[in-house]
Amino acid sequence: MQGTHVPLSRKKPSAGRYALILRGPYAILDVADRMAGGRMGLTVLPITGVVLAGGAGRRMGGVDKGFVLWSGEPLVVHALRRVSTLPQVLISANRSLARYRALGHEVVVDDAAPFGGPLMGLRAAFLRASYPWVMSIPVDSPSLPLDISARLWASRVAEGIVVARSPRGVEPLVFLAARSLFSRLEAYCQTEGRRAQEWFIGAPQSWLDLTPAEAFNCNTPDDVG
């Protein structure tokens, strides 16, 4: 399926310090569209973007990592920039729900026990996805390429999954998957499987290579110091 050509959204951004930043590409294009009398449009990839922010943050002292500052901004702001051009964005979270909702996107919560692991967050997000492809990024990877969605899209495989990897190994929470793979995820979760790099084994797959800097994770206070 190719990208869809649609008119620019006229939805008013939510109030808040980061509203314009998070909708940067759309805000800039919207100004140009108005200047052109509404004749412009935007090619939107048929992808639901998911920001995984539901972790317990144990190595970070138990704080909500989404609101930990990195380079002067919350980690969730860096993550949302990577999905800002997608037509649907979901934030998977288990706390600070009002703060996440204030960023202007739908928040999904695990229907299992709190902090049940990233696959529980992915499961909840797949159930809410409106588009045939689902892209996942973790909230604690602020150096992912800004065009990560386009890179993953270019490497997609029919009814399969593109998974990121770096010299340190597989980055299983950075992926683009066909929404039809939900049945595989659900079956794996039903067996109490929780390993993020295992649920897609056997599905058609390709890789997206990242550099160590691009795959950087903020896991401890030292990483954001």
N, C-alpha and C. Protein backbone atom coordinates (compact mmCIF):
# COMPACT_ATOMS: atom_id res chain seq x y z
N MET A 1 0.85 -1.19 0.00
CA MET A 1 0.00 0.00 0.00
C MET A 1 0.88 1.23 0.00
N GLN A 2 0.57 2.19 -0.86
CA GLN A 2 1.37 3.39 -0.95
C GLN A 2 0.85 4.43 0.03
N GLY A 3 1.61 5.50 0.19
CA GLY A 3 1.16 6.59 1.02
C GLY A 3 -0.11 7.21 0.46
N THR A 4 -0.90 7.82 1.33
CA THR A 4 -2.17 8.39 0.94
C THR A 4 -2.06 9.90 0.87
N HIS A 5 -2.58 10.49 -0.21
CA HIS A 5 -2.55 11.94 -0.36
C HIS A 5 -3.82 12.51 0.26
N VAL A 6 -3.68 13.28 1.31
CA VAL A 6 -4.84 13.82 2.02
C VAL A 6 -4.65 15.29 2.27
N PRO A 7 -5.75 16.02 2.47
CA PRO A 7 -5.62 17.43 2.84
C PRO A 7 -4.98 17.56 4.20
N LEU A 8 -4.35 18.67 4.48
CA LEU A 8 -3.77 18.90 5.78
C LEU A 8 -4.87 19.01 6.83
N SER A 9 -4.59 18.48 8.01
CA SER A 9 -5.56 18.55 9.09
C SER A 9 -5.74 19.99 9.57
N ARG A 10 -6.99 20.34 9.87
CA ARG A 10 -7.28 21.64 10.44
C ARG A 10 -7.52 21.56 11.94
N LYS A 11 -7.24 20.41 12.50
CA LYS A 11 -7.45 20.24 13.93
C LYS A 11 -6.54 21.18 14.71
N LYS A 12 -7.13 21.88 15.64
CA LYS A 12 -6.36 22.82 16.45
C LYS A 12 -5.44 22.07 17.39
N PRO A 13 -4.13 22.39 17.43
CA PRO A 13 -3.23 21.71 18.35
C PRO A 13 -3.66 21.94 19.79
N SER A 14 -3.37 20.96 20.65
CA SER A 14 -3.70 21.12 22.05
C SER A 14 -2.84 22.20 22.67
N ALA A 15 -3.35 22.78 23.73
CA ALA A 15 -2.59 23.81 24.43
C ALA A 15 -1.41 23.17 25.12
N GLY A 16 -0.42 23.94 25.38
CA GLY A 16 0.73 23.42 26.11
C GLY A 16 2.03 23.87 25.49
N ARG A 17 3.07 23.81 26.30
CA ARG A 17 4.36 24.34 25.89
C ARG A 17 4.90 23.68 24.64
N TYR A 18 4.62 22.36 24.47
CA TYR A 18 5.25 21.61 23.39
C TYR A 18 4.33 21.35 22.21
N ALA A 19 3.12 21.91 22.21
CA ALA A 19 2.16 21.58 21.16
C ALA A 19 2.69 21.90 19.77
N LEU A 20 3.24 23.11 19.57
CA LEU A 20 3.73 23.49 18.25
C LEU A 20 4.97 22.68 17.88
N ILE A 21 5.83 22.43 18.85
CA ILE A 21 7.05 21.66 18.58
C ILE A 21 6.68 20.27 18.07
N LEU A 22 5.73 19.61 18.72
CA LEU A 22 5.39 18.24 18.38
C LEU A 22 4.69 18.14 17.04
N ARG A 23 4.07 19.22 16.62
CA ARG A 23 3.42 19.21 15.32
C ARG A 23 4.20 20.06 14.33
N GLY A 24 5.50 20.18 14.56
CA GLY A 24 6.33 21.04 13.74
C GLY A 24 6.14 20.88 12.25
N PRO A 25 6.33 19.68 11.69
CA PRO A 25 6.18 19.50 10.24
C PRO A 25 4.81 19.91 9.73
N TYR A 26 3.75 19.55 10.49
CA TYR A 26 2.41 19.92 10.07
C TYR A 26 2.18 21.41 10.21
N ALA A 27 2.68 22.00 11.30
CA ALA A 27 2.48 23.44 11.51
C ALA A 27 3.10 24.24 10.37
N ILE A 28 4.32 23.88 9.98
CA ILE A 28 5.00 24.60 8.90
C ILE A 28 4.25 24.43 7.59
N LEU A 29 3.85 23.19 7.28
CA LEU A 29 3.12 22.94 6.04
C LEU A 29 1.76 23.61 6.03
N ASP A 30 1.12 23.68 7.21
CA ASP A 30 -0.19 24.29 7.29
C ASP A 30 -0.12 25.78 6.96
N VAL A 31 0.93 26.46 7.42
CA VAL A 31 1.10 27.87 7.09
C VAL A 31 1.24 28.03 5.58
N ALA A 32 2.07 27.18 4.96
CA ALA A 32 2.27 27.25 3.51
C ALA A 32 0.96 26.94 2.78
N ASP A 33 0.20 25.99 3.31
CA ASP A 33 -1.07 25.62 2.69
C ASP A 33 -2.04 26.79 2.69
N ARG A 34 -2.09 27.50 3.79
CA ARG A 34 -2.99 28.65 3.86
C ARG A 34 -2.57 29.74 2.88
N MET A 35 -1.25 29.93 2.77
CA MET A 35 -0.76 30.93 1.84
C MET A 35 -1.08 30.55 0.39
N ALA A 36 -1.21 29.25 0.13
CA ALA A 36 -1.53 28.78 -1.22
C ALA A 36 -3.03 28.62 -1.42
N GLY A 37 -3.80 29.12 -0.47
CA GLY A 37 -5.25 29.05 -0.61
C GLY A 37 -5.82 27.67 -0.39
N GLY A 38 -5.10 26.84 0.37
CA GLY A 38 -5.60 25.51 0.69
C GLY A 38 -5.42 24.49 -0.41
N ARG A 39 -4.56 24.79 -1.38
CA ARG A 39 -4.41 23.88 -2.52
C ARG A 39 -3.36 22.80 -2.30
N MET A 40 -2.55 22.93 -1.25
CA MET A 40 -1.51 21.94 -0.99
C MET A 40 -2.09 20.71 -0.30
N GLY A 41 -1.32 19.65 -0.28
CA GLY A 41 -1.69 18.45 0.45
C GLY A 41 -0.44 17.78 0.97
N LEU A 42 -0.62 16.70 1.68
CA LEU A 42 0.52 16.02 2.28
C LEU A 42 0.37 14.52 2.06
N THR A 43 1.44 13.87 1.61
CA THR A 43 1.42 12.43 1.46
C THR A 43 1.70 11.80 2.82
N VAL A 44 0.72 11.11 3.35
CA VAL A 44 0.81 10.55 4.69
C VAL A 44 0.95 9.04 4.59
N LEU A 45 1.93 8.49 5.27
CA LEU A 45 2.11 7.05 5.28
C LEU A 45 1.02 6.40 6.13
N PRO A 46 0.50 5.25 5.72
CA PRO A 46 -0.60 4.60 6.44
C PRO A 46 -0.10 3.85 7.68
N ILE A 47 0.42 4.61 8.61
CA ILE A 47 1.09 4.04 9.78
C ILE A 47 0.51 4.64 11.07
N THR A 48 0.24 3.80 12.03
CA THR A 48 -0.03 4.24 13.40
C THR A 48 1.30 4.23 14.16
N GLY A 49 1.68 5.37 14.69
CA GLY A 49 2.91 5.46 15.47
C GLY A 49 2.64 5.23 16.94
N VAL A 50 3.48 4.44 17.58
CA VAL A 50 3.32 4.11 19.00
C VAL A 50 4.58 4.51 19.76
N VAL A 51 4.41 5.32 20.78
CA VAL A 51 5.51 5.66 21.68
C VAL A 51 5.32 4.84 22.95
N LEU A 52 6.27 3.96 23.24
CA LEU A 52 6.18 3.09 24.42
C LEU A 52 6.74 3.82 25.63
N ALA A 53 5.84 4.25 26.52
CA ALA A 53 6.25 5.01 27.71
C ALA A 53 5.68 4.41 28.98
N GLY A 54 5.45 3.11 28.96
CA GLY A 54 4.78 2.48 30.09
C GLY A 54 5.69 1.74 31.05
N GLY A 55 7.00 1.93 30.92
CA GLY A 55 7.93 1.21 31.79
C GLY A 55 7.95 1.73 33.21
N ALA A 56 8.46 0.90 34.10
CA ALA A 56 8.54 1.27 35.52
C ALA A 56 9.73 2.17 35.82
N GLY A 57 10.70 2.26 34.91
CA GLY A 57 11.86 3.13 35.13
C GLY A 57 12.69 2.76 36.34
N ARG A 58 12.83 1.47 36.60
CA ARG A 58 13.52 1.05 37.82
C ARG A 58 14.97 1.51 37.85
N ARG A 59 15.67 1.41 36.71
CA ARG A 59 17.08 1.84 36.69
C ARG A 59 17.22 3.36 36.70
N MET A 60 16.08 4.06 36.55
CA MET A 60 16.09 5.51 36.61
C MET A 60 15.56 5.99 37.97
N GLY A 61 15.49 5.07 38.93
CA GLY A 61 15.01 5.43 40.26
C GLY A 61 13.50 5.40 40.41
N GLY A 62 12.82 4.76 39.45
CA GLY A 62 11.38 4.63 39.54
C GLY A 62 10.59 5.80 39.01
N VAL A 63 11.24 6.78 38.40
CA VAL A 63 10.53 7.93 37.86
C VAL A 63 9.93 7.57 36.50
N ASP A 64 8.99 8.38 36.06
CA ASP A 64 8.41 8.21 34.73
C ASP A 64 9.41 8.76 33.72
N LYS A 65 10.04 7.87 32.96
CA LYS A 65 11.11 8.30 32.06
C LYS A 65 10.63 9.26 30.98
N GLY A 66 9.37 9.20 30.62
CA GLY A 66 8.87 10.08 29.59
C GLY A 66 9.08 11.55 29.90
N PHE A 67 9.12 11.89 31.18
CA PHE A 67 9.26 13.29 31.56
C PHE A 67 10.63 13.61 32.15
N VAL A 68 11.55 12.69 32.01
CA VAL A 68 12.95 12.97 32.34
C VAL A 68 13.53 13.86 31.25
N LEU A 69 14.27 14.89 31.64
CA LEU A 69 14.82 15.82 30.66
C LEU A 69 16.09 15.27 30.02
N TRP A 70 16.17 15.44 28.73
CA TRP A 70 17.38 15.11 27.96
C TRP A 70 17.58 16.24 26.97
N SER A 71 18.75 16.85 27.01
CA SER A 71 19.03 18.03 26.18
C SER A 71 17.96 19.11 26.37
N GLY A 72 17.50 19.24 27.62
CA GLY A 72 16.59 20.33 27.96
C GLY A 72 15.12 20.08 27.70
N GLU A 73 14.75 18.90 27.19
CA GLU A 73 13.35 18.60 26.90
C GLU A 73 13.00 17.20 27.40
N PRO A 74 11.72 16.97 27.75
CA PRO A 74 11.32 15.63 28.17
C PRO A 74 11.57 14.60 27.08
N LEU A 75 11.92 13.40 27.51
CA LEU A 75 12.17 12.33 26.54
C LEU A 75 10.96 12.10 25.63
N VAL A 76 9.75 12.24 26.17
CA VAL A 76 8.57 12.01 25.33
C VAL A 76 8.47 13.01 24.19
N VAL A 77 8.97 14.22 24.39
CA VAL A 77 8.94 15.21 23.32
C VAL A 77 9.87 14.78 22.19
N HIS A 78 11.06 14.28 22.54
CA HIS A 78 11.98 13.78 21.51
C HIS A 78 11.33 12.62 20.74
N ALA A 79 10.66 11.73 21.47
CA ALA A 79 10.02 10.58 20.81
C ALA A 79 8.90 11.02 19.87
N LEU A 80 8.08 11.94 20.32
CA LEU A 80 6.95 12.37 19.51
C LEU A 80 7.39 13.09 18.24
N ARG A 81 8.54 13.71 18.26
CA ARG A 81 9.05 14.31 17.03
C ARG A 81 9.28 13.25 15.95
N ARG A 82 9.65 12.05 16.37
CA ARG A 82 9.95 10.98 15.40
C ARG A 82 8.69 10.41 14.76
N VAL A 83 7.53 10.70 15.32
CA VAL A 83 6.28 10.17 14.76
C VAL A 83 5.32 11.29 14.37
N SER A 84 5.80 12.52 14.38
CA SER A 84 4.92 13.68 14.23
C SER A 84 4.27 13.79 12.86
N THR A 85 4.81 13.11 11.84
CA THR A 85 4.20 13.19 10.50
C THR A 85 3.23 12.04 10.23
N LEU A 86 3.02 11.18 11.20
CA LEU A 86 2.12 10.04 11.00
C LEU A 86 0.68 10.43 11.30
N PRO A 87 -0.29 9.80 10.64
CA PRO A 87 -1.69 10.21 10.79
C PRO A 87 -2.32 9.83 12.12
N GLN A 88 -1.76 8.87 12.82
CA GLN A 88 -2.26 8.49 14.15
C GLN A 88 -1.08 8.22 15.04
N VAL A 89 -1.10 8.79 16.23
CA VAL A 89 -0.03 8.58 17.21
C VAL A 89 -0.67 8.15 18.52
N LEU A 90 -0.17 7.07 19.08
CA LEU A 90 -0.62 6.57 20.37
C LEU A 90 0.54 6.60 21.35
N ILE A 91 0.25 6.95 22.58
CA ILE A 91 1.25 6.89 23.65
C ILE A 91 0.83 5.77 24.59
N SER A 92 1.68 4.78 24.75
CA SER A 92 1.42 3.69 25.69
C SER A 92 2.01 4.08 27.04
N ALA A 93 1.15 4.23 28.05
CA ALA A 93 1.60 4.69 29.36
C ALA A 93 0.79 4.03 30.46
N ASN A 94 1.36 4.00 31.66
CA ASN A 94 0.69 3.41 32.80
C ASN A 94 0.57 4.37 33.99
N ARG A 95 1.07 5.59 33.82
CA ARG A 95 0.94 6.61 34.85
C ARG A 95 1.11 7.96 34.18
N SER A 96 0.97 9.02 34.96
CA SER A 96 1.06 10.39 34.41
C SER A 96 0.13 10.54 33.21
N LEU A 97 -1.02 9.91 33.28
CA LEU A 97 -1.89 9.85 32.10
C LEU A 97 -2.38 11.23 31.67
N ALA A 98 -2.72 12.08 32.61
CA ALA A 98 -3.18 13.43 32.26
C ALA A 98 -2.08 14.22 31.58
N ARG A 99 -0.86 14.07 32.05
CA ARG A 99 0.27 14.80 31.44
C ARG A 99 0.51 14.32 30.02
N TYR A 100 0.41 13.02 29.81
CA TYR A 100 0.60 12.51 28.45
C TYR A 100 -0.54 12.95 27.53
N ARG A 101 -1.77 12.90 28.03
CA ARG A 101 -2.90 13.32 27.20
C ARG A 101 -2.80 14.80 26.83
N ALA A 102 -2.22 15.60 27.71
CA ALA A 102 -2.07 17.03 27.43
C ALA A 102 -1.17 17.30 26.23
N LEU A 103 -0.41 16.29 25.81
CA LEU A 103 0.46 16.44 24.64
C LEU A 103 -0.31 16.30 23.33
N GLY A 104 -1.60 15.96 23.42
CA GLY A 104 -2.45 16.00 22.23
C GLY A 104 -2.65 14.70 21.50
N HIS A 105 -2.27 13.57 22.12
CA HIS A 105 -2.43 12.28 21.45
C HIS A 105 -3.17 11.30 22.36
N GLU A 106 -3.77 10.28 21.74
CA GLU A 106 -4.47 9.27 22.52
C GLU A 106 -3.48 8.47 23.36
N VAL A 107 -3.87 8.21 24.59
CA VAL A 107 -3.04 7.42 25.50
C VAL A 107 -3.71 6.06 25.70
N VAL A 108 -2.95 4.99 25.54
CA VAL A 108 -3.47 3.64 25.76
C VAL A 108 -2.79 3.05 26.98
N VAL A 109 -3.55 2.31 27.75
CA VAL A 109 -3.07 1.72 29.00
C VAL A 109 -3.17 0.21 28.91
N ASP A 110 -2.18 -0.49 29.47
CA ASP A 110 -2.22 -1.95 29.48
C ASP A 110 -3.50 -2.42 30.17
N ASP A 111 -4.10 -3.49 29.65
CA ASP A 111 -5.24 -4.06 30.35
C ASP A 111 -4.80 -5.22 31.25
N ALA A 112 -3.49 -5.43 31.32
CA ALA A 112 -2.95 -6.42 32.24
C ALA A 112 -2.48 -5.68 33.50
N ALA A 113 -1.70 -6.36 34.32
CA ALA A 113 -1.17 -5.69 35.51
C ALA A 113 -0.28 -4.53 35.10
N PRO A 114 -0.27 -3.44 35.89
CA PRO A 114 0.59 -2.31 35.56
C PRO A 114 2.04 -2.74 35.41
N PHE A 115 2.73 -2.11 34.47
CA PHE A 115 4.14 -2.39 34.20
C PHE A 115 4.35 -3.86 33.84
N GLY A 116 3.44 -4.36 32.99
CA GLY A 116 3.53 -5.76 32.57
C GLY A 116 4.56 -6.00 31.48
N GLY A 117 5.26 -4.95 31.08
CA GLY A 117 6.28 -5.10 30.05
C GLY A 117 5.85 -4.48 28.74
N PRO A 118 6.80 -4.21 27.86
CA PRO A 118 6.48 -3.50 26.61
C PRO A 118 5.51 -4.24 25.69
N LEU A 119 5.50 -5.56 25.74
CA LEU A 119 4.58 -6.28 24.86
C LEU A 119 3.13 -6.04 25.25
N MET A 120 2.88 -5.81 26.53
CA MET A 120 1.52 -5.49 26.95
C MET A 120 1.10 -4.12 26.42
N GLY A 121 2.05 -3.19 26.42
CA GLY A 121 1.77 -1.89 25.84
C GLY A 121 1.55 -1.98 24.34
N LEU A 122 2.36 -2.79 23.67
CA LEU A 122 2.18 -2.99 22.23
C LEU A 122 0.83 -3.63 21.93
N ARG A 123 0.46 -4.59 22.71
CA ARG A 123 -0.83 -5.26 22.50
C ARG A 123 -1.97 -4.24 22.56
N ALA A 124 -1.96 -3.39 23.59
CA ALA A 124 -3.01 -2.38 23.73
C ALA A 124 -3.00 -1.42 22.55
N ALA A 125 -1.81 -1.07 22.07
CA ALA A 125 -1.70 -0.14 20.95
C ALA A 125 -2.19 -0.77 19.65
N PHE A 126 -1.82 -2.02 19.39
CA PHE A 126 -2.30 -2.70 18.18
C PHE A 126 -3.83 -2.71 18.14
N LEU A 127 -4.46 -2.89 19.29
CA LEU A 127 -5.92 -2.94 19.34
C LEU A 127 -6.54 -1.60 18.98
N ARG A 128 -5.82 -0.49 19.19
CA ARG A 128 -6.33 0.84 18.91
C ARG A 128 -5.86 1.38 17.56
N ALA A 129 -4.98 0.66 16.89
CA ALA A 129 -4.41 1.15 15.64
C ALA A 129 -5.46 1.22 14.54
N SER A 130 -5.46 2.35 13.82
CA SER A 130 -6.43 2.57 12.75
C SER A 130 -5.85 2.34 11.36
N TYR A 131 -4.55 2.10 11.28
CA TYR A 131 -3.88 2.00 9.98
C TYR A 131 -3.26 0.61 9.82
N PRO A 132 -2.98 0.20 8.58
CA PRO A 132 -2.51 -1.18 8.34
C PRO A 132 -1.09 -1.45 8.77
N TRP A 133 -0.36 -0.42 9.16
CA TRP A 133 1.00 -0.61 9.66
C TRP A 133 1.13 0.06 11.02
N VAL A 134 1.93 -0.57 11.88
CA VAL A 134 2.16 -0.05 13.24
C VAL A 134 3.66 0.12 13.44
N MET A 135 4.04 1.33 13.82
CA MET A 135 5.45 1.63 14.09
C MET A 135 5.63 1.85 15.58
N SER A 136 6.66 1.26 16.14
CA SER A 136 6.94 1.37 17.57
C SER A 136 8.30 2.01 17.80
N ILE A 137 8.35 2.92 18.78
CA ILE A 137 9.63 3.42 19.28
C ILE A 137 9.53 3.55 20.80
N PRO A 138 10.62 3.28 21.52
CA PRO A 138 10.59 3.47 22.96
C PRO A 138 10.82 4.93 23.32
N VAL A 139 10.26 5.34 24.44
CA VAL A 139 10.37 6.74 24.84
C VAL A 139 11.79 7.13 25.23
N ASP A 140 12.63 6.15 25.52
CA ASP A 140 13.97 6.46 26.04
C ASP A 140 15.06 6.38 24.97
N SER A 141 14.68 6.56 23.69
CA SER A 141 15.67 6.55 22.60
C SER A 141 15.62 7.90 21.87
N PRO A 142 16.17 8.95 22.48
CA PRO A 142 16.00 10.31 21.94
C PRO A 142 16.83 10.63 20.72
N SER A 143 17.74 9.73 20.34
CA SER A 143 18.62 10.02 19.20
C SER A 143 18.25 9.25 17.94
N LEU A 144 17.10 8.61 17.94
CA LEU A 144 16.66 7.95 16.71
C LEU A 144 16.57 8.97 15.59
N PRO A 145 16.83 8.58 14.35
CA PRO A 145 16.75 9.53 13.24
C PRO A 145 15.36 10.17 13.16
N LEU A 146 15.33 11.45 12.82
CA LEU A 146 14.04 12.12 12.68
C LEU A 146 13.21 11.51 11.57
N ASP A 147 13.87 10.91 10.59
CA ASP A 147 13.14 10.27 9.48
C ASP A 147 13.02 8.76 9.67
N ILE A 148 12.99 8.32 10.91
CA ILE A 148 12.95 6.89 11.19
C ILE A 148 11.72 6.23 10.56
N SER A 149 10.58 6.93 10.52
CA SER A 149 9.39 6.32 9.92
C SER A 149 9.59 6.07 8.42
N ALA A 150 10.21 7.03 7.73
CA ALA A 150 10.46 6.87 6.29
C ALA A 150 11.47 5.75 6.04
N ARG A 151 12.47 5.65 6.89
CA ARG A 151 13.47 4.58 6.72
C ARG A 151 12.84 3.21 6.91
N LEU A 152 12.02 3.08 7.94
CA LEU A 152 11.36 1.80 8.18
C LEU A 152 10.41 1.47 7.02
N TRP A 153 9.68 2.47 6.56
CA TRP A 153 8.74 2.26 5.45
C TRP A 153 9.46 1.77 4.20
N ALA A 154 10.63 2.33 3.95
CA ALA A 154 11.38 1.95 2.75
C ALA A 154 11.86 0.50 2.82
N SER A 155 11.96 -0.06 4.02
CA SER A 155 12.46 -1.42 4.20
C SER A 155 11.36 -2.43 4.51
N ARG A 156 10.10 -2.02 4.40
CA ARG A 156 9.00 -2.89 4.80
C ARG A 156 8.92 -4.13 3.92
N VAL A 157 8.34 -5.17 4.49
CA VAL A 157 8.07 -6.40 3.76
C VAL A 157 6.59 -6.73 3.92
N ALA A 158 5.97 -7.23 2.87
CA ALA A 158 4.53 -7.49 2.88
C ALA A 158 4.15 -8.41 4.03
N GLU A 159 3.14 -7.99 4.78
CA GLU A 159 2.61 -8.78 5.90
C GLU A 159 3.71 -9.18 6.88
N GLY A 160 4.74 -8.34 7.01
CA GLY A 160 5.86 -8.67 7.87
C GLY A 160 6.27 -7.54 8.78
N ILE A 161 7.54 -7.56 9.17
CA ILE A 161 8.05 -6.61 10.15
C ILE A 161 9.47 -6.19 9.79
N VAL A 162 9.76 -4.92 9.98
CA VAL A 162 11.11 -4.38 9.86
C VAL A 162 11.58 -4.06 11.28
N VAL A 163 12.70 -4.60 11.68
CA VAL A 163 13.20 -4.40 13.04
C VAL A 163 14.56 -3.71 12.97
N ALA A 164 14.77 -2.77 13.86
CA ALA A 164 16.05 -2.06 13.91
C ALA A 164 17.10 -2.92 14.60
N ARG A 165 18.34 -2.71 14.20
CA ARG A 165 19.46 -3.34 14.88
C ARG A 165 20.64 -2.37 14.82
N SER A 166 21.54 -2.55 15.77
CA SER A 166 22.75 -1.73 15.84
C SER A 166 23.91 -2.65 16.17
N PRO A 167 25.14 -2.14 16.19
CA PRO A 167 26.27 -3.00 16.52
C PRO A 167 26.15 -3.69 17.88
N ARG A 168 25.33 -3.14 18.76
CA ARG A 168 25.18 -3.79 20.07
C ARG A 168 24.14 -4.91 20.05
N GLY A 169 23.37 -5.01 18.94
CA GLY A 169 22.40 -6.08 18.83
C GLY A 169 21.06 -5.61 18.30
N VAL A 170 20.05 -6.46 18.45
CA VAL A 170 18.71 -6.15 17.99
C VAL A 170 18.09 -5.07 18.88
N GLU A 171 17.36 -4.14 18.24
CA GLU A 171 16.60 -3.11 18.97
C GLU A 171 15.12 -3.44 18.76
N PRO A 172 14.58 -4.42 19.50
CA PRO A 172 13.28 -5.00 19.15
C PRO A 172 12.08 -4.08 19.34
N LEU A 173 12.26 -2.97 20.05
CA LEU A 173 11.14 -2.06 20.26
C LEU A 173 11.08 -0.96 19.21
N VAL A 174 12.05 -0.98 18.28
CA VAL A 174 12.03 -0.05 17.15
C VAL A 174 11.67 -0.87 15.92
N PHE A 175 10.45 -0.76 15.46
CA PHE A 175 10.03 -1.60 14.34
C PHE A 175 8.85 -0.98 13.61
N LEU A 176 8.62 -1.51 12.42
CA LEU A 176 7.40 -1.25 11.65
C LEU A 176 6.81 -2.60 11.30
N ALA A 177 5.59 -2.85 11.72
CA ALA A 177 4.97 -4.16 11.52
C ALA A 177 3.61 -4.01 10.87
N ALA A 178 3.27 -4.97 10.03
CA ALA A 178 1.92 -5.04 9.51
C ALA A 178 0.96 -5.28 10.67
N ARG A 179 -0.15 -4.56 10.68
CA ARG A 179 -1.11 -4.71 11.78
C ARG A 179 -1.64 -6.14 11.84
N SER A 180 -1.61 -6.84 10.71
CA SER A 180 -2.08 -8.22 10.67
C SER A 180 -1.25 -9.15 11.54
N LEU A 181 -0.07 -8.69 11.98
CA LEU A 181 0.75 -9.52 12.87
C LEU A 181 0.23 -9.51 14.30
N PHE A 182 -0.85 -8.77 14.55
CA PHE A 182 -1.38 -8.74 15.91
C PHE A 182 -1.72 -10.14 16.41
N SER A 183 -2.24 -10.99 15.53
CA SER A 183 -2.60 -12.35 15.96
C SER A 183 -1.38 -13.10 16.47
N ARG A 184 -0.24 -12.85 15.86
CA ARG A 184 1.01 -13.49 16.31
C ARG A 184 1.41 -12.94 17.69
N LEU A 185 1.30 -11.62 17.86
CA LEU A 185 1.62 -11.00 19.15
C LEU A 185 0.68 -11.51 20.24
N GLU A 186 -0.60 -11.57 19.92
CA GLU A 186 -1.58 -12.03 20.89
C GLU A 186 -1.32 -13.47 21.31
N ALA A 187 -1.02 -14.33 20.33
CA ALA A 187 -0.76 -15.74 20.65
C ALA A 187 0.48 -15.86 21.55
N TYR A 188 1.50 -15.06 21.27
CA TYR A 188 2.72 -15.12 22.08
C TYR A 188 2.43 -14.64 23.50
N CYS A 189 1.67 -13.55 23.64
CA CYS A 189 1.34 -13.04 24.98
C CYS A 189 0.49 -14.04 25.76
N GLN A 190 -0.37 -14.79 25.06
CA GLN A 190 -1.21 -15.77 25.72
C GLN A 190 -0.40 -16.91 26.34
N THR A 191 0.79 -17.13 25.80
CA THR A 191 1.68 -18.14 26.39
C THR A 191 2.55 -17.56 27.49
N GLU A 192 2.23 -16.30 27.89
CA GLU A 192 2.98 -15.56 28.90
C GLU A 192 4.38 -15.21 28.43
N GLY A 193 4.57 -15.20 27.11
CA GLY A 193 5.83 -14.73 26.57
C GLY A 193 5.97 -13.23 26.77
N ARG A 194 7.15 -12.79 27.12
CA ARG A 194 7.36 -11.36 27.40
C ARG A 194 8.62 -10.82 26.72
N ARG A 195 9.32 -11.63 25.94
CA ARG A 195 10.57 -11.19 25.32
C ARG A 195 10.26 -10.46 24.02
N ALA A 196 10.63 -9.17 23.98
CA ALA A 196 10.26 -8.32 22.85
C ALA A 196 10.87 -8.79 21.55
N GLN A 197 11.97 -9.53 21.60
CA GLN A 197 12.63 -9.98 20.37
C GLN A 197 12.14 -11.34 19.89
N GLU A 198 11.11 -11.90 20.55
CA GLU A 198 10.67 -13.25 20.18
C GLU A 198 9.30 -13.31 19.54
N TRP A 199 8.42 -12.35 19.81
CA TRP A 199 7.03 -12.50 19.39
C TRP A 199 6.88 -12.57 17.87
N PHE A 200 7.81 -11.96 17.13
CA PHE A 200 7.68 -11.92 15.66
C PHE A 200 8.49 -13.00 14.96
N ILE A 201 9.11 -13.90 15.69
CA ILE A 201 9.90 -14.96 15.06
C ILE A 201 9.01 -15.78 14.13
N GLY A 202 9.49 -15.97 12.91
CA GLY A 202 8.74 -16.72 11.91
C GLY A 202 7.96 -15.85 10.94
N ALA A 203 7.80 -14.56 11.26
CA ALA A 203 7.11 -13.64 10.34
C ALA A 203 8.09 -13.16 9.28
N PRO A 204 7.62 -12.78 8.10
CA PRO A 204 8.51 -12.17 7.11
C PRO A 204 9.20 -10.95 7.74
N GLN A 205 10.51 -10.85 7.54
CA GLN A 205 11.26 -9.84 8.30
C GLN A 205 12.38 -9.24 7.48
N SER A 206 12.67 -7.97 7.75
CA SER A 206 13.87 -7.32 7.24
C SER A 206 14.46 -6.48 8.36
N TRP A 207 15.66 -5.94 8.13
CA TRP A 207 16.38 -5.19 9.16
C TRP A 207 16.59 -3.75 8.74
N LEU A 208 16.61 -2.87 9.72
CA LEU A 208 17.04 -1.49 9.52
C LEU A 208 18.25 -1.26 10.41
N ASP A 209 19.37 -0.92 9.81
CA ASP A 209 20.61 -0.74 10.58
C ASP A 209 20.72 0.67 11.12
N LEU A 210 21.02 0.77 12.42
CA LEU A 210 21.25 2.03 13.10
C LEU A 210 22.68 2.08 13.60
N THR A 211 23.21 3.28 13.73
CA THR A 211 24.52 3.45 14.34
C THR A 211 24.38 3.38 15.85
N PRO A 212 25.48 3.18 16.57
CA PRO A 212 25.39 3.19 18.04
C PRO A 212 24.80 4.48 18.58
N ALA A 213 25.16 5.61 17.97
CA ALA A 213 24.63 6.90 18.44
C ALA A 213 23.12 6.99 18.22
N GLU A 214 22.64 6.49 17.08
CA GLU A 214 21.20 6.54 16.80
C GLU A 214 20.41 5.63 17.73
N ALA A 215 21.02 4.54 18.17
CA ALA A 215 20.33 3.56 19.01
C ALA A 215 20.51 3.83 20.50
N PHE A 216 21.09 4.96 20.85
CA PHE A 216 21.35 5.30 22.25
C PHE A 216 20.06 5.25 23.10
N ASN A 217 20.19 4.66 24.30
CA ASN A 217 19.08 4.60 25.25
C ASN A 217 19.41 5.34 26.53
N CYS A 218 18.42 6.02 27.07
CA CYS A 218 18.54 6.65 28.40
C CYS A 218 17.97 5.69 29.43
N ASN A 219 18.83 4.94 30.08
CA ASN A 219 18.37 3.94 31.03
C ASN A 219 18.64 4.28 32.49
N THR A 220 19.67 5.09 32.74
CA THR A 220 20.06 5.42 34.10
C THR A 220 20.25 6.92 34.22
N PRO A 221 20.29 7.46 35.45
CA PRO A 221 20.53 8.89 35.63
C PRO A 221 21.81 9.37 34.96
N ASP A 222 22.81 8.50 34.87
CA ASP A 222 24.08 8.89 34.23
C ASP A 222 23.89 9.18 32.75
N ASP A 223 22.91 8.55 32.12
CA ASP A 223 22.69 8.74 30.69
C ASP A 223 22.10 10.10 30.36
N VAL A 224 21.51 10.75 31.35
CA VAL A 224 20.90 12.07 31.11
C VAL A 224 21.63 13.18 31.84
N GLY A 225 22.72 12.84 32.49
CA GLY A 225 23.45 13.82 33.27
C GLY A 225 24.20 14.83 32.42
